[in-house]
Amino acid sequence: QVQLVESGGGLVQPGGSLRLSCVASGSIFAGNHMGWYRQAPGKQRELVATMTSGGTTDYTDSVKGRFTISRDYAENTVVLQMSTLKPEDTAVYYCNFRVWIAGHRLDYWGQGTQVTVSS
């Protein structure tokens, strides 16, 4: 089992910045991915950014150039630095820990943190 604890989020004006952090604990298997997904009201959960244990990153197109994902492997932490925020970034953001064991993909999720971009 993996437990994820998120922090950050809140209300920010358009053009502002926020930082989300997530700490993983428990059975931290190697070869994992950590990242962030978001879900806006009435929409499906979507990938925001993810980073492999090898350092490879992936971003959804709408956040490229504005968001940066990073990891502290020693502390099992993933951080999403969000800049130039737009109202359409408003959503609940979920931390994700993904690992493959014996060919099976396991996903663990944080409780979610609200990000609201509004003037």
Protein backbone atom coordinates (compact mmCIF):
# COMPACT_ATOMS: atom_id res chain seq x y z
CA GLN A 1 0.00 0.00 0.00
CA VAL A 2 1.04 3.56 -0.72
CA GLN A 3 -0.26 6.60 1.09
CA LEU A 4 -0.18 10.04 -0.53
CA VAL A 5 -0.47 13.31 1.35
CA GLU A 6 -0.97 16.47 -0.69
CA SER A 7 -0.45 20.09 0.27
CA GLY A 8 -0.80 23.40 -1.51
CA GLY A 9 -3.63 24.60 -3.67
CA GLY A 10 -6.08 27.39 -2.92
CA LEU A 11 -7.42 30.51 -4.57
CA VAL A 12 -5.27 32.57 -6.91
CA GLN A 13 -5.87 35.32 -9.44
CA PRO A 14 -5.33 34.73 -13.15
CA GLY A 15 -1.66 35.01 -13.97
CA GLY A 16 -0.65 33.94 -10.49
CA SER A 17 1.31 30.94 -9.25
CA LEU A 18 0.74 28.02 -6.93
CA ARG A 19 2.81 25.09 -5.74
CA LEU A 20 1.41 21.63 -5.06
CA SER A 21 3.37 19.05 -3.11
CA CYS A 22 2.75 15.36 -2.48
CA VAL A 23 4.61 12.96 -0.20
CA ALA A 24 4.39 9.21 -0.69
CA SER A 25 4.89 6.65 2.07
CA GLY A 26 4.51 2.92 2.40
CA SER A 27 5.57 0.36 -0.22
CA ILE A 28 7.58 2.55 -2.56
CA PHE A 29 8.57 0.14 -5.31
CA ALA A 30 11.21 1.12 -7.82
CA GLY A 31 10.29 1.98 -11.37
CA ASN A 32 7.34 4.08 -10.33
CA HIS A 33 5.73 7.14 -11.83
CA MET A 34 4.48 10.06 -9.76
CA GLY A 35 2.39 12.86 -11.06
CA TRP A 36 -0.70 15.00 -11.00
CA TYR A 37 -4.14 14.68 -12.50
CA ARG A 38 -7.04 17.10 -12.29
CA GLN A 39 -10.78 16.99 -12.53
CA ALA A 40 -12.96 19.99 -13.22
CA PRO A 41 -16.71 19.95 -12.51
CA GLY A 42 -18.56 17.93 -15.11
CA LYS A 43 -15.35 16.71 -16.75
CA GLN A 44 -13.29 13.56 -16.65
CA ARG A 45 -10.08 13.34 -14.70
CA GLU A 46 -7.14 14.21 -16.94
CA LEU A 47 -3.39 13.96 -16.77
CA VAL A 48 -1.59 17.20 -15.91
CA ALA A 49 2.01 16.07 -15.57
CA THR A 50 3.91 12.96 -14.62
CA MET A 51 7.50 12.02 -13.99
CA THR A 52 9.09 8.59 -14.03
CA SER A 53 11.64 7.37 -11.53
CA GLY A 54 14.17 7.85 -14.33
CA GLY A 55 13.30 11.52 -14.71
CA THR A 56 11.24 11.42 -17.89
CA THR A 57 8.39 13.92 -17.85
CA ASP A 58 5.09 14.20 -19.66
CA TYR A 59 2.75 17.18 -19.68
CA THR A 60 -0.67 17.75 -21.13
CA ASP A 61 -0.44 20.31 -23.93
CA SER A 62 -2.45 22.98 -22.14
CA VAL A 63 0.10 23.34 -19.32
CA LYS A 64 3.35 23.07 -21.27
CA GLY A 65 5.54 26.07 -20.59
CA ARG A 66 3.51 27.05 -17.52
CA PHE A 67 3.75 24.07 -15.16
CA THR A 68 6.86 22.25 -14.01
CA ILE A 69 6.96 18.89 -12.29
CA SER A 70 9.85 17.78 -10.13
CA ARG A 71 10.66 14.96 -7.75
CA ASP A 72 12.78 14.45 -4.68
CA TYR A 73 13.49 10.75 -4.85
CA ALA A 74 15.06 10.58 -1.42
CA GLU A 75 11.97 12.12 0.16
CA ASN A 76 9.46 10.38 -2.17
CA THR A 77 7.99 13.77 -3.00
CA VAL A 78 6.56 15.20 -6.20
CA VAL A 79 6.02 18.92 -6.69
CA LEU A 80 3.97 20.72 -9.31
CA GLN A 81 4.94 24.35 -9.75
CA MET A 82 2.14 26.15 -11.56
CA SER A 83 2.64 29.57 -13.13
CA THR A 84 0.61 31.89 -15.34
CA LEU A 85 -2.53 30.22 -14.06
CA LYS A 86 -5.74 30.54 -16.06
CA PRO A 87 -9.37 30.17 -15.01
CA GLU A 88 -9.52 26.94 -17.00
CA ASP A 89 -6.91 25.47 -14.65
CA THR A 90 -9.55 25.46 -11.93
CA ALA A 91 -10.06 21.88 -10.76
CA VAL A 92 -9.40 19.40 -7.99
CA TYR A 93 -5.82 18.22 -8.39
CA TYR A 94 -4.94 14.66 -7.43
CA CYS A 95 -1.52 13.24 -6.73
CA ASN A 96 -0.90 9.89 -8.39
CA PHE A 97 1.59 7.11 -7.67
CA ARG A 98 1.77 4.38 -10.32
CA VAL A 99 3.73 1.15 -10.23
CA TRP A 100 3.74 -2.08 -12.19
CA ILE A 101 3.98 -5.36 -10.27
CA ALA A 102 4.05 -8.67 -12.10
CA GLY A 103 2.65 -6.94 -15.16
CA HIS A 104 -0.23 -5.34 -13.30
CA ARG A 105 -0.57 -1.59 -13.03
CA LEU A 106 -1.42 -0.23 -9.61
CA ASP A 107 -2.60 3.35 -9.08
CA TYR A 108 -2.73 5.15 -5.77
CA TRP A 109 -4.39 8.53 -5.34
CA GLY A 110 -4.23 11.41 -2.93
CA GLN A 111 -7.34 12.94 -1.44
CA GLY A 112 -7.30 15.85 -3.88
CA THR A 113 -6.66 19.54 -3.39
CA GLN A 114 -8.75 22.36 -4.84
CA VAL A 115 -7.15 24.91 -7.14
CA THR A 116 -9.34 27.88 -8.02
CA VAL A 117 -8.19 30.55 -10.46
CA SER A 118 -10.48 33.55 -10.32
CA SER A 119 -10.39 37.30 -10.03
